[in-house]
Amino acid sequence: MAFCFLTRSCYLSSFRKATSGDFSIPVEGYLYEKGQPSGALKYFLISGNVLQLLGDVDAVGSDALAPVGTIICPLLLVHGLNVSG
């Protein structure tokens, strides 16, 4: 199983449509395969729909990371996002 741990998002407000909930966000992170980090990823896109994303949350962490702007959120494990780049 492979997953991506996102470490940075860029220009969040520029890539969302408030009326439909669709978003496309450039991000950076790390790729993990079989539970081990396998490489850094720079400037790729995740996209989807906010309502669909909320329904695709598989797990919520018990931690809350340092605020990013005005957002404080625990780690989330989400399936079904589109990844490109």
C-alpha atoms as a PDB file:
ATOM      1  CA  MET A   1       0.000   0.000   0.000  1.00  0.00           C
ATOM      2  CA  ALA A   2       1.340   3.442  -0.899  1.00  0.00           C
ATOM      3  CA  PHE A   3       0.305   6.773   0.569  1.00  0.00           C
ATOM      4  CA  CYS A   4       1.481  10.369   0.542  1.00  0.00           C
ATOM      5  CA  PHE A   5       2.143  12.452   3.651  1.00  0.00           C
ATOM      6  CA  LEU A   6       1.492  16.102   2.731  1.00  0.00           C
ATOM      7  CA  THR A   7       3.833  18.608   4.321  1.00  0.00           C
ATOM      8  CA  ARG A   8       3.007  21.867   2.557  1.00  0.00           C
ATOM      9  CA  SER A   9       0.218  23.354   0.482  1.00  0.00           C
ATOM     10  CA  CYS A  10       0.585  26.388  -1.727  1.00  0.00           C
ATOM     11  CA  TYR A  11      -2.071  28.911  -2.729  1.00  0.00           C
ATOM     12  CA  LEU A  12      -5.034  27.100  -1.153  1.00  0.00           C
ATOM     13  CA  SER A  13      -7.563  29.860  -1.804  1.00  0.00           C
ATOM     14  CA  SER A  14      -6.640  30.182  -5.494  1.00  0.00           C
ATOM     15  CA  PHE A  15      -7.676  26.676  -6.465  1.00  0.00           C
ATOM     16  CA  ARG A  16     -11.108  26.070  -4.985  1.00  0.00           C
ATOM     17  CA  LYS A  17     -14.627  26.725  -6.176  1.00  0.00           C
ATOM     18  CA  ALA A  18     -16.831  27.635  -3.239  1.00  0.00           C
ATOM     19  CA  THR A  19     -20.089  26.935  -5.077  1.00  0.00           C
ATOM     20  CA  SER A  20     -19.264  23.360  -6.137  1.00  0.00           C
ATOM     21  CA  GLY A  21     -16.720  22.337  -3.478  1.00  0.00           C
ATOM     22  CA  ASP A  22     -14.199  21.310  -6.151  1.00  0.00           C
ATOM     23  CA  PHE A  23     -10.536  22.029  -5.420  1.00  0.00           C
ATOM     24  CA  SER A  24      -7.098  21.562  -6.928  1.00  0.00           C
ATOM     25  CA  ILE A  25      -4.167  22.323  -4.645  1.00  0.00           C
ATOM     26  CA  PRO A  26      -0.434  22.269  -5.363  1.00  0.00           C
ATOM     27  CA  VAL A  27       1.328  20.474  -2.507  1.00  0.00           C
ATOM     28  CA  GLU A  28       4.602  18.928  -1.387  1.00  0.00           C
ATOM     29  CA  GLY A  29       5.100  15.802   0.672  1.00  0.00           C
ATOM     30  CA  TYR A  30       6.639  12.361   1.031  1.00  0.00           C
ATOM     31  CA  LEU A  31       5.685   9.095  -0.632  1.00  0.00           C
ATOM     32  CA  TYR A  32       5.481   6.051   1.649  1.00  0.00           C
ATOM     33  CA  GLU A  33       5.420   2.505   0.334  1.00  0.00           C
ATOM     34  CA  LYS A  34       4.918  -0.522   2.599  1.00  0.00           C
ATOM     35  CA  GLY A  35       5.062   1.800   5.614  1.00  0.00           C
ATOM     36  CA  GLN A  36       8.494   3.206   4.755  1.00  0.00           C
ATOM     37  CA  PRO A  37       9.380   6.616   3.245  1.00  0.00           C
ATOM     38  CA  SER A  38      10.467   6.120  -0.364  1.00  0.00           C
ATOM     39  CA  GLY A  39      11.038   9.681  -1.550  1.00  0.00           C
ATOM     40  CA  ALA A  40      10.222  13.361  -1.384  1.00  0.00           C
ATOM     41  CA  LEU A  41       7.580  14.754  -3.741  1.00  0.00           C
ATOM     42  CA  LYS A  42       7.622  18.405  -4.838  1.00  0.00           C
ATOM     43  CA  TYR A  43       4.951  20.481  -6.524  1.00  0.00           C
ATOM     44  CA  PHE A  44       2.247  17.976  -7.414  1.00  0.00           C
ATOM     45  CA  LEU A  45      -1.522  18.472  -7.375  1.00  0.00           C
ATOM     46  CA  ILE A  46      -4.242  16.928  -5.290  1.00  0.00           C
ATOM     47  CA  SER A  47      -7.792  17.502  -6.439  1.00  0.00           C
ATOM     48  CA  GLY A  48     -11.281  16.449  -5.549  1.00  0.00           C
ATOM     49  CA  ASN A  49     -14.452  17.692  -3.925  1.00  0.00           C
ATOM     50  CA  VAL A  50     -14.662  18.872  -0.305  1.00  0.00           C
ATOM     51  CA  LEU A  51     -17.897  16.999   0.454  1.00  0.00           C
ATOM     52  CA  GLN A  52     -16.522  13.800  -1.105  1.00  0.00           C
ATOM     53  CA  LEU A  53     -13.258  14.252   0.822  1.00  0.00           C
ATOM     54  CA  LEU A  54     -15.126  14.445   4.134  1.00  0.00           C
ATOM     55  CA  GLY A  55     -16.848  11.167   3.290  1.00  0.00           C
ATOM     56  CA  ASP A  56     -13.515   9.549   2.350  1.00  0.00           C
ATOM     57  CA  VAL A  57     -11.769  10.083   5.718  1.00  0.00           C
ATOM     58  CA  ASP A  58     -10.522   6.686   6.927  1.00  0.00           C
ATOM     59  CA  ALA A  59      -8.872   7.793  10.174  1.00  0.00           C
ATOM     60  CA  VAL A  60      -8.407  10.901  12.319  1.00  0.00           C
ATOM     61  CA  GLY A  61      -5.268  11.343  14.410  1.00  0.00           C
ATOM     62  CA  SER A  62      -5.362  12.209  18.105  1.00  0.00           C
ATOM     63  CA  ASP A  63      -2.809  14.966  17.573  1.00  0.00           C
ATOM     64  CA  ALA A  64      -3.227  18.556  16.443  1.00  0.00           C
ATOM     65  CA  LEU A  65      -0.327  20.009  14.507  1.00  0.00           C
ATOM     66  CA  ALA A  66       0.872  23.590  14.835  1.00  0.00           C
ATOM     67  CA  PRO A  67      -1.495  26.007  13.142  1.00  0.00           C
ATOM     68  CA  VAL A  68      -1.109  26.634   9.430  1.00  0.00           C
ATOM     69  CA  GLY A  69      -2.453  30.148   9.098  1.00  0.00           C
ATOM     70  CA  THR A  70      -5.716  29.980  11.041  1.00  0.00           C
ATOM     71  CA  ILE A  71      -6.222  26.209  10.651  1.00  0.00           C
ATOM     72  CA  ILE A  72      -5.531  23.687  13.407  1.00  0.00           C
ATOM     73  CA  CYS A  73      -6.242  20.118  12.330  1.00  0.00           C
ATOM     74  CA  PRO A  74      -5.186  16.614  13.371  1.00  0.00           C
ATOM     75  CA  LEU A  75      -3.635  14.282  10.818  1.00  0.00           C
ATOM     76  CA  LEU A  76      -6.200  12.737   8.473  1.00  0.00           C
ATOM     77  CA  LEU A  77      -5.982   9.558   6.412  1.00  0.00           C
ATOM     78  CA  VAL A  78      -8.113  10.089   3.299  1.00  0.00           C
ATOM     79  CA  HIS A  79      -8.633   7.857   0.274  1.00  0.00           C
ATOM     80  CA  GLY A  80      -9.940   8.782  -3.142  1.00  0.00           C
ATOM     81  CA  LEU A  81      -8.090  12.044  -3.840  1.00  0.00           C
ATOM     82  CA  ASN A  82      -6.793  12.559  -7.348  1.00  0.00           C
ATOM     83  CA  VAL A  83      -3.018  13.009  -7.495  1.00  0.00           C
ATOM     84  CA  SER A  84      -1.091  14.274 -10.521  1.00  0.00           C
ATOM     85  CA  GLY A  85       2.296  15.694 -11.358  1.00  0.00           C
END
